Amino acid sequence: MAVREAFTAEEWQAVGAAPFLVGLYLVGAAPMEPMVIVREMLAAEKAVTLEAHQPDALPIVKEIDADLVAEVLTRDLGVINGAADEQARVLGELARAVALVEAQAPAMDSAFRAWLFRVAEHVARTTAERAPAGAGSRHIGGEVAAALRTLAQMLGVPQR
C-alpha cells in the first residue's frame, strides 16, 4: 500500500505542502527580494528531490516527489509578507501536516519531522550561499536562525 493511500486527497495535499511551508516560513522570517524568495522555494523543491533519490529515502518523500513531478501536488501556497499573522498561518498549516503524518503514518512521523528540518536547513544554507558578495556575510542571518530554532522546536527535533 502506498503511503498516500492512508490520507484523503485533501490531507495528502496538506502533507505534500509541508516542505514548501518550511520554505515559506523561512521566507517570511527576513525581508528578501523576489528572486531570493524564488530561490528559497526552488531550494525546498530540490531538497525534496535530493532526498527522494537517496537509496534509503522515506517512502513518503518518494511519493511526495513523484506527485510533484506528476503535478498532483501544488507548489503554490500563496504569498507571505512576513507579518506575524502570516507566519502563524504557515506554522499552523505545517503543524496540521505533521499531525496528519503522526496520525495516519505514525511509523514515519519522527523521520518525517527530521526530514522537514533538513529541508529547512537546506533552504537556509542555499540562501546564505547565494548571497551576493558585498551584501553582508554569507552566513545564516539572525532572523533565519531564529526561524530555524522555532521550526526545530515545533517539529520536536534537535537543532544542529
N, C-alpha and C. Protein backbone atom coordinates (compact mmCIF):
# COMPACT_ATOMS: atom_id res chain seq x y z
N MET A 1 0.84 -1.18 0.00
CA MET A 1 0.00 0.00 0.00
C MET A 1 0.89 1.24 0.00
N ALA A 2 0.57 2.17 -0.86
CA ALA A 2 1.29 3.43 -0.92
C ALA A 2 0.96 4.25 0.33
N VAL A 3 1.94 5.02 0.76
CA VAL A 3 1.74 5.84 1.96
C VAL A 3 0.58 6.80 1.77
N ARG A 4 0.49 7.40 0.61
CA ARG A 4 -0.55 8.41 0.42
C ARG A 4 -1.96 7.83 0.48
N GLU A 5 -2.09 6.53 0.33
CA GLU A 5 -3.41 5.91 0.44
C GLU A 5 -3.97 5.97 1.87
N ALA A 6 -3.11 6.27 2.83
CA ALA A 6 -3.56 6.42 4.21
C ALA A 6 -4.24 7.78 4.43
N PHE A 7 -4.15 8.66 3.44
CA PHE A 7 -4.67 10.02 3.55
C PHE A 7 -5.79 10.26 2.54
N THR A 8 -6.70 11.15 2.89
CA THR A 8 -7.66 11.61 1.89
C THR A 8 -6.90 12.50 0.90
N ALA A 9 -7.50 12.82 -0.22
CA ALA A 9 -6.84 13.69 -1.21
C ALA A 9 -6.50 15.04 -0.59
N GLU A 10 -7.40 15.58 0.20
CA GLU A 10 -7.17 16.89 0.83
C GLU A 10 -6.06 16.80 1.86
N GLU A 11 -6.02 15.72 2.62
CA GLU A 11 -4.96 15.53 3.61
C GLU A 11 -3.60 15.37 2.93
N TRP A 12 -3.59 14.64 1.82
CA TRP A 12 -2.33 14.44 1.09
C TRP A 12 -1.79 15.76 0.55
N GLN A 13 -2.67 16.63 0.10
CA GLN A 13 -2.25 17.97 -0.34
C GLN A 13 -1.56 18.70 0.81
N ALA A 14 -2.13 18.59 2.01
CA ALA A 14 -1.55 19.26 3.18
C ALA A 14 -0.18 18.67 3.52
N VAL A 15 -0.06 17.36 3.49
CA VAL A 15 1.21 16.70 3.78
C VAL A 15 2.24 17.06 2.71
N GLY A 16 1.85 17.03 1.46
CA GLY A 16 2.76 17.36 0.36
C GLY A 16 3.22 18.79 0.37
N ALA A 17 2.46 19.67 1.00
CA ALA A 17 2.83 21.08 1.08
C ALA A 17 3.88 21.34 2.15
N ALA A 18 4.08 20.39 3.07
CA ALA A 18 4.93 20.61 4.24
C ALA A 18 6.33 21.15 3.90
N PRO A 19 7.07 20.57 2.95
CA PRO A 19 8.41 21.12 2.70
C PRO A 19 8.37 22.55 2.17
N PHE A 20 7.32 22.89 1.46
CA PHE A 20 7.19 24.25 0.93
C PHE A 20 6.75 25.22 2.02
N LEU A 21 5.99 24.72 2.98
CA LEU A 21 5.61 25.53 4.13
C LEU A 21 6.85 25.89 4.95
N VAL A 22 7.76 24.95 5.08
CA VAL A 22 9.03 25.21 5.75
C VAL A 22 9.76 26.35 5.02
N GLY A 23 9.83 26.25 3.70
CA GLY A 23 10.47 27.31 2.91
C GLY A 23 9.76 28.64 3.06
N LEU A 24 8.44 28.63 3.03
CA LEU A 24 7.67 29.87 3.19
C LEU A 24 7.92 30.50 4.55
N TYR A 25 8.01 29.68 5.58
CA TYR A 25 8.26 30.22 6.91
C TYR A 25 9.61 30.93 6.95
N LEU A 26 10.60 30.35 6.32
CA LEU A 26 11.92 30.99 6.28
C LEU A 26 11.88 32.26 5.44
N VAL A 27 11.13 32.25 4.35
CA VAL A 27 10.97 33.44 3.52
C VAL A 27 10.38 34.58 4.33
N GLY A 28 9.39 34.26 5.14
CA GLY A 28 8.73 35.29 5.94
C GLY A 28 9.56 35.77 7.12
N ALA A 29 10.62 35.04 7.45
CA ALA A 29 11.43 35.38 8.63
C ALA A 29 12.27 36.64 8.43
N ALA A 30 12.67 36.91 7.21
CA ALA A 30 13.54 38.05 6.94
C ALA A 30 13.12 38.68 5.62
N PRO A 31 13.17 39.99 5.54
CA PRO A 31 12.82 40.65 4.27
C PRO A 31 13.77 40.19 3.16
N MET A 32 13.20 39.82 2.04
CA MET A 32 14.00 39.32 0.93
C MET A 32 13.47 39.87 -0.39
N GLU A 33 14.38 39.95 -1.35
CA GLU A 33 13.99 40.36 -2.69
C GLU A 33 13.24 39.22 -3.36
N PRO A 34 12.40 39.54 -4.36
CA PRO A 34 11.60 38.49 -5.01
C PRO A 34 12.43 37.33 -5.56
N MET A 35 13.60 37.60 -6.12
CA MET A 35 14.41 36.50 -6.67
C MET A 35 14.93 35.58 -5.57
N VAL A 36 15.21 36.13 -4.40
CA VAL A 36 15.65 35.31 -3.28
C VAL A 36 14.51 34.39 -2.84
N ILE A 37 13.31 34.92 -2.83
CA ILE A 37 12.13 34.12 -2.47
C ILE A 37 11.97 32.95 -3.43
N VAL A 38 12.11 33.22 -4.72
CA VAL A 38 12.01 32.17 -5.72
C VAL A 38 13.10 31.12 -5.49
N ARG A 39 14.33 31.57 -5.20
CA ARG A 39 15.42 30.62 -4.94
C ARG A 39 15.14 29.77 -3.72
N GLU A 40 14.56 30.37 -2.68
CA GLU A 40 14.27 29.59 -1.47
C GLU A 40 13.23 28.51 -1.76
N MET A 41 12.23 28.83 -2.53
CA MET A 41 11.21 27.84 -2.84
C MET A 41 11.77 26.75 -3.76
N LEU A 42 12.65 27.14 -4.69
CA LEU A 42 13.32 26.14 -5.52
C LEU A 42 14.24 25.26 -4.68
N ALA A 43 14.86 25.84 -3.66
CA ALA A 43 15.71 25.06 -2.76
C ALA A 43 14.87 24.03 -2.01
N ALA A 44 13.67 24.41 -1.61
CA ALA A 44 12.78 23.45 -0.94
C ALA A 44 12.44 22.29 -1.87
N GLU A 45 12.14 22.61 -3.11
CA GLU A 45 11.82 21.56 -4.07
C GLU A 45 13.04 20.67 -4.33
N LYS A 46 14.21 21.28 -4.43
CA LYS A 46 15.43 20.49 -4.66
C LYS A 46 15.69 19.56 -3.47
N ALA A 47 15.41 20.03 -2.27
CA ALA A 47 15.60 19.19 -1.08
C ALA A 47 14.69 17.96 -1.14
N VAL A 48 13.47 18.14 -1.65
CA VAL A 48 12.56 17.00 -1.82
C VAL A 48 13.16 16.02 -2.81
N THR A 49 13.60 16.52 -3.94
CA THR A 49 14.15 15.67 -5.00
C THR A 49 15.42 14.95 -4.53
N LEU A 50 16.31 15.69 -3.87
CA LEU A 50 17.55 15.07 -3.38
C LEU A 50 17.26 13.91 -2.44
N GLU A 51 16.37 14.15 -1.50
CA GLU A 51 16.04 13.09 -0.53
C GLU A 51 15.34 11.91 -1.22
N ALA A 52 14.44 12.21 -2.13
CA ALA A 52 13.66 11.16 -2.78
C ALA A 52 14.53 10.20 -3.58
N HIS A 53 15.67 10.68 -4.03
CA HIS A 53 16.53 9.85 -4.86
C HIS A 53 17.66 9.17 -4.08
N GLN A 54 17.61 9.25 -2.77
CA GLN A 54 18.57 8.54 -1.92
C GLN A 54 18.11 7.09 -1.79
N PRO A 55 19.03 6.15 -1.72
CA PRO A 55 18.64 4.74 -1.61
C PRO A 55 17.78 4.45 -0.38
N ASP A 56 18.00 5.18 0.71
CA ASP A 56 17.25 4.93 1.94
C ASP A 56 16.19 6.00 2.20
N ALA A 57 15.72 6.62 1.14
CA ALA A 57 14.73 7.70 1.27
C ALA A 57 13.43 7.19 1.89
N LEU A 58 12.80 8.07 2.64
CA LEU A 58 11.50 7.74 3.22
C LEU A 58 10.48 7.53 2.10
N PRO A 59 9.67 6.50 2.20
CA PRO A 59 8.64 6.29 1.17
C PRO A 59 7.72 7.50 1.01
N ILE A 60 7.42 8.19 2.09
CA ILE A 60 6.53 9.35 2.00
C ILE A 60 7.18 10.46 1.16
N VAL A 61 8.48 10.62 1.28
CA VAL A 61 9.20 11.64 0.49
C VAL A 61 9.23 11.24 -0.98
N LYS A 62 9.45 9.95 -1.25
CA LYS A 62 9.44 9.47 -2.63
C LYS A 62 8.07 9.75 -3.28
N GLU A 63 7.02 9.52 -2.52
CA GLU A 63 5.67 9.74 -3.06
C GLU A 63 5.37 11.22 -3.24
N ILE A 64 5.84 12.06 -2.32
CA ILE A 64 5.66 13.50 -2.49
C ILE A 64 6.38 13.95 -3.75
N ASP A 65 7.61 13.50 -3.93
CA ASP A 65 8.38 13.87 -5.12
C ASP A 65 7.68 13.41 -6.39
N ALA A 66 7.22 12.17 -6.41
CA ALA A 66 6.53 11.65 -7.60
C ALA A 66 5.28 12.46 -7.91
N ASP A 67 4.55 12.85 -6.87
CA ASP A 67 3.33 13.62 -7.11
C ASP A 67 3.63 15.07 -7.49
N LEU A 68 4.78 15.61 -7.08
CA LEU A 68 5.19 16.93 -7.55
C LEU A 68 5.51 16.87 -9.04
N VAL A 69 6.24 15.83 -9.43
CA VAL A 69 6.59 15.65 -10.85
C VAL A 69 5.33 15.47 -11.69
N ALA A 70 4.38 14.69 -11.17
CA ALA A 70 3.13 14.43 -11.89
C ALA A 70 2.14 15.59 -11.77
N GLU A 71 2.53 16.61 -11.02
CA GLU A 71 1.70 17.80 -10.80
C GLU A 71 0.38 17.48 -10.10
N VAL A 72 0.42 16.45 -9.25
CA VAL A 72 -0.72 16.12 -8.40
C VAL A 72 -0.72 17.04 -7.19
N LEU A 73 0.48 17.38 -6.71
CA LEU A 73 0.63 18.30 -5.58
C LEU A 73 0.99 19.68 -6.10
N THR A 74 0.58 20.69 -5.36
CA THR A 74 0.86 22.06 -5.77
C THR A 74 2.05 22.63 -5.03
N ARG A 75 2.74 23.52 -5.68
CA ARG A 75 3.84 24.26 -5.06
C ARG A 75 3.38 25.66 -4.69
N ASP A 76 2.22 26.06 -5.16
CA ASP A 76 1.71 27.41 -4.96
C ASP A 76 0.93 27.49 -3.66
N LEU A 77 1.55 28.09 -2.67
CA LEU A 77 0.94 28.18 -1.35
C LEU A 77 0.60 29.62 -0.98
N GLY A 78 0.58 30.48 -1.98
CA GLY A 78 0.25 31.87 -1.72
C GLY A 78 1.49 32.69 -1.43
N VAL A 79 1.25 33.93 -1.12
CA VAL A 79 2.33 34.88 -0.87
C VAL A 79 2.41 35.10 0.63
N ILE A 80 3.61 35.27 1.10
CA ILE A 80 3.78 35.58 2.51
C ILE A 80 4.53 36.90 2.62
N ASN A 81 4.06 37.73 3.52
CA ASN A 81 4.67 39.05 3.65
C ASN A 81 5.48 39.21 4.93
N GLY A 82 5.62 38.17 5.69
CA GLY A 82 6.41 38.23 6.91
C GLY A 82 5.64 38.74 8.12
N ALA A 83 4.39 39.13 7.92
CA ALA A 83 3.59 39.60 9.06
C ALA A 83 3.38 38.45 10.03
N ALA A 84 3.26 38.79 11.28
CA ALA A 84 3.11 37.77 12.33
C ALA A 84 1.94 36.84 12.07
N ASP A 85 0.82 37.39 11.58
CA ASP A 85 -0.34 36.52 11.33
C ASP A 85 -0.09 35.57 10.17
N GLU A 86 0.67 36.00 9.18
CA GLU A 86 1.00 35.11 8.06
C GLU A 86 1.97 34.01 8.52
N GLN A 87 2.95 34.38 9.33
CA GLN A 87 3.88 33.39 9.84
C GLN A 87 3.14 32.36 10.70
N ALA A 88 2.20 32.84 11.50
CA ALA A 88 1.39 31.93 12.33
C ALA A 88 0.55 31.01 11.46
N ARG A 89 0.00 31.53 10.36
CA ARG A 89 -0.79 30.70 9.44
C ARG A 89 0.08 29.58 8.86
N VAL A 90 1.28 29.93 8.43
CA VAL A 90 2.18 28.94 7.84
C VAL A 90 2.53 27.87 8.88
N LEU A 91 2.87 28.30 10.10
CA LEU A 91 3.18 27.32 11.15
C LEU A 91 1.98 26.44 11.46
N GLY A 92 0.78 27.03 11.43
CA GLY A 92 -0.43 26.25 11.68
C GLY A 92 -0.66 25.19 10.62
N GLU A 93 -0.45 25.56 9.35
CA GLU A 93 -0.60 24.59 8.26
C GLU A 93 0.47 23.51 8.35
N LEU A 94 1.68 23.91 8.72
CA LEU A 94 2.75 22.92 8.89
C LEU A 94 2.43 21.97 10.04
N ALA A 95 1.95 22.52 11.15
CA ALA A 95 1.57 21.68 12.29
C ALA A 95 0.47 20.69 11.91
N ARG A 96 -0.46 21.13 11.10
CA ARG A 96 -1.53 20.24 10.63
C ARG A 96 -0.95 19.09 9.80
N ALA A 97 -0.03 19.41 8.89
CA ALA A 97 0.58 18.38 8.06
C ALA A 97 1.32 17.36 8.91
N VAL A 98 2.06 17.85 9.89
CA VAL A 98 2.82 16.96 10.78
C VAL A 98 1.86 16.09 11.60
N ALA A 99 0.78 16.69 12.07
CA ALA A 99 -0.20 15.93 12.85
C ALA A 99 -0.86 14.84 12.00
N LEU A 100 -1.08 15.13 10.73
CA LEU A 100 -1.67 14.13 9.83
C LEU A 100 -0.73 12.94 9.67
N VAL A 101 0.55 13.21 9.50
CA VAL A 101 1.51 12.12 9.36
C VAL A 101 1.58 11.34 10.67
N GLU A 102 1.59 12.04 11.79
CA GLU A 102 1.63 11.37 13.08
C GLU A 102 0.42 10.43 13.26
N ALA A 103 -0.75 10.88 12.80
CA ALA A 103 -1.97 10.09 12.96
C ALA A 103 -2.11 8.98 11.92
N GLN A 104 -1.76 9.26 10.67
CA GLN A 104 -2.03 8.32 9.58
C GLN A 104 -0.84 7.44 9.20
N ALA A 105 0.37 7.91 9.51
CA ALA A 105 1.58 7.14 9.19
C ALA A 105 2.56 7.25 10.35
N PRO A 106 2.15 6.79 11.54
CA PRO A 106 2.97 7.00 12.74
C PRO A 106 4.37 6.41 12.66
N ALA A 107 4.57 5.38 11.90
CA ALA A 107 5.90 4.78 11.78
C ALA A 107 6.89 5.72 11.12
N MET A 108 6.40 6.70 10.36
CA MET A 108 7.27 7.64 9.67
C MET A 108 7.32 9.00 10.33
N ASP A 109 6.58 9.18 11.39
CA ASP A 109 6.43 10.51 11.99
C ASP A 109 7.75 11.17 12.35
N SER A 110 8.56 10.53 13.17
CA SER A 110 9.80 11.18 13.61
C SER A 110 10.77 11.39 12.45
N ALA A 111 10.84 10.45 11.54
CA ALA A 111 11.72 10.61 10.37
C ALA A 111 11.21 11.72 9.46
N PHE A 112 9.90 11.85 9.33
CA PHE A 112 9.31 12.92 8.52
C PHE A 112 9.63 14.28 9.13
N ARG A 113 9.51 14.39 10.44
CA ARG A 113 9.83 15.65 11.13
C ARG A 113 11.30 16.01 10.94
N ALA A 114 12.18 15.02 11.10
CA ALA A 114 13.61 15.26 10.92
C ALA A 114 13.91 15.68 9.48
N TRP A 115 13.25 15.05 8.54
CA TRP A 115 13.44 15.41 7.13
C TRP A 115 12.98 16.84 6.87
N LEU A 116 11.85 17.23 7.42
CA LEU A 116 11.38 18.61 7.23
C LEU A 116 12.40 19.60 7.77
N PHE A 117 13.03 19.28 8.88
CA PHE A 117 14.04 20.19 9.41
C PHE A 117 15.27 20.22 8.50
N ARG A 118 15.63 19.09 7.91
CA ARG A 118 16.74 19.08 6.94
C ARG A 118 16.39 19.95 5.74
N VAL A 119 15.12 19.93 5.32
CA VAL A 119 14.68 20.81 4.24
C VAL A 119 14.91 22.27 4.65
N ALA A 120 14.51 22.60 5.87
CA ALA A 120 14.68 23.97 6.36
C ALA A 120 16.15 24.37 6.36
N GLU A 121 17.01 23.49 6.85
CA GLU A 121 18.45 23.79 6.86
C GLU A 121 18.98 23.96 5.44
N HIS A 122 18.53 23.12 4.52
CA HIS A 122 18.96 23.23 3.12
C HIS A 122 18.56 24.58 2.54
N VAL A 123 17.33 24.97 2.77
CA VAL A 123 16.85 26.26 2.26
C VAL A 123 17.66 27.40 2.86
N ALA A 124 17.88 27.37 4.15
CA ALA A 124 18.63 28.44 4.81
C ALA A 124 20.07 28.51 4.29
N ARG A 125 20.72 27.36 4.13
CA ARG A 125 22.10 27.34 3.61
C ARG A 125 22.16 27.84 2.18
N THR A 126 21.21 27.41 1.37
CA THR A 126 21.20 27.81 -0.04
C THR A 126 21.10 29.32 -0.16
N THR A 127 20.24 29.92 0.62
CA THR A 127 20.08 31.37 0.58
C THR A 127 21.35 32.06 1.04
N ALA A 128 21.96 31.57 2.11
CA ALA A 128 23.19 32.18 2.62
C ALA A 128 24.32 32.04 1.61
N GLU A 129 24.42 30.89 0.95
CA GLU A 129 25.49 30.66 -0.02
C GLU A 129 25.34 31.53 -1.26
N ARG A 130 24.13 31.88 -1.60
CA ARG A 130 23.89 32.67 -2.81
C ARG A 130 23.81 34.16 -2.54
N ALA A 131 24.10 34.56 -1.31
CA ALA A 131 24.09 36.00 -1.01
C ALA A 131 25.17 36.66 -1.86
N PRO A 132 24.83 37.78 -2.50
CA PRO A 132 25.81 38.45 -3.34
C PRO A 132 26.99 38.96 -2.52
N ALA A 133 28.16 38.94 -3.12
CA ALA A 133 29.35 39.47 -2.45
C ALA A 133 29.10 40.93 -2.10
N GLY A 134 29.52 41.32 -0.93
CA GLY A 134 29.33 42.70 -0.51
C GLY A 134 27.98 42.94 0.12
N ALA A 135 27.12 41.95 0.17
CA ALA A 135 25.78 42.13 0.74
C ALA A 135 25.77 41.70 2.20
N GLY A 136 26.92 41.73 2.81
CA GLY A 136 26.99 41.25 4.18
C GLY A 136 27.61 39.87 4.18
N SER A 137 27.64 39.25 5.31
CA SER A 137 28.27 37.94 5.40
C SER A 137 27.41 36.88 4.74
N ARG A 138 28.06 35.79 4.38
CA ARG A 138 27.37 34.69 3.74
C ARG A 138 27.04 33.61 4.76
N HIS A 139 26.44 34.00 5.86
CA HIS A 139 26.02 33.04 6.87
C HIS A 139 24.53 33.24 7.13
N ILE A 140 23.97 32.32 7.82
CA ILE A 140 22.54 32.39 8.11
C ILE A 140 22.31 33.55 9.06
N GLY A 141 21.48 34.49 8.63
CA GLY A 141 21.21 35.69 9.42
C GLY A 141 20.40 35.41 10.66
N GLY A 142 20.35 36.39 11.55
CA GLY A 142 19.67 36.25 12.83
C GLY A 142 18.21 35.87 12.72
N GLU A 143 17.47 36.51 11.78
CA GLU A 143 16.05 36.20 11.64
C GLU A 143 15.83 34.78 11.17
N VAL A 144 16.65 34.34 10.23
CA VAL A 144 16.50 32.99 9.70
C VAL A 144 16.95 31.97 10.75
N ALA A 145 18.02 32.28 11.49
CA ALA A 145 18.46 31.39 12.56
C ALA A 145 17.36 31.24 13.61
N ALA A 146 16.69 32.34 13.93
CA ALA A 146 15.59 32.28 14.90
C ALA A 146 14.44 31.44 14.35
N ALA A 147 14.17 31.59 13.05
CA ALA A 147 13.11 30.79 12.41
C ALA A 147 13.46 29.31 12.45
N LEU A 148 14.74 28.98 12.23
CA LEU A 148 15.18 27.58 12.32
C LEU A 148 14.97 27.04 13.73
N ARG A 149 15.26 27.85 14.73
CA ARG A 149 15.04 27.40 16.12
C ARG A 149 13.56 27.15 16.37
N THR A 150 12.71 28.03 15.86
CA THR A 150 11.25 27.86 16.01
C THR A 150 10.80 26.57 15.35
N LEU A 151 11.29 26.33 14.13
CA LEU A 151 10.92 25.10 13.41
C LEU A 151 11.42 23.86 14.15
N ALA A 152 12.64 23.91 14.66
CA ALA A 152 13.18 22.76 15.39
C ALA A 152 12.31 22.46 16.60
N GLN A 153 11.92 23.50 17.31
CA GLN A 153 11.07 23.30 18.48
C GLN A 153 9.70 22.75 18.09
N MET A 154 9.10 23.34 17.06
CA MET A 154 7.77 22.90 16.62
C MET A 154 7.80 21.45 16.13
N LEU A 155 8.86 21.09 15.42
CA LEU A 155 8.97 19.74 14.88
C LEU A 155 9.48 18.74 15.92
N GLY A 156 9.98 19.24 17.03
CA GLY A 156 10.49 18.35 18.07
C GLY A 156 11.77 17.66 17.69
N VAL A 157 12.63 18.39 16.97
CA VAL A 157 13.92 17.83 16.55
C VAL A 157 15.04 18.68 17.12
N PRO A 158 16.19 18.06 17.38
CA PRO A 158 17.33 18.85 17.86
C PRO A 158 17.89 19.69 16.73
N GLN A 159 18.26 20.92 17.07
CA GLN A 159 18.89 21.78 16.07
C GLN A 159 20.38 21.57 16.16
N ARG A 160 20.99 21.34 15.00
CA ARG A 160 22.45 21.10 14.97
C ARG A 160 23.20 22.37 14.99
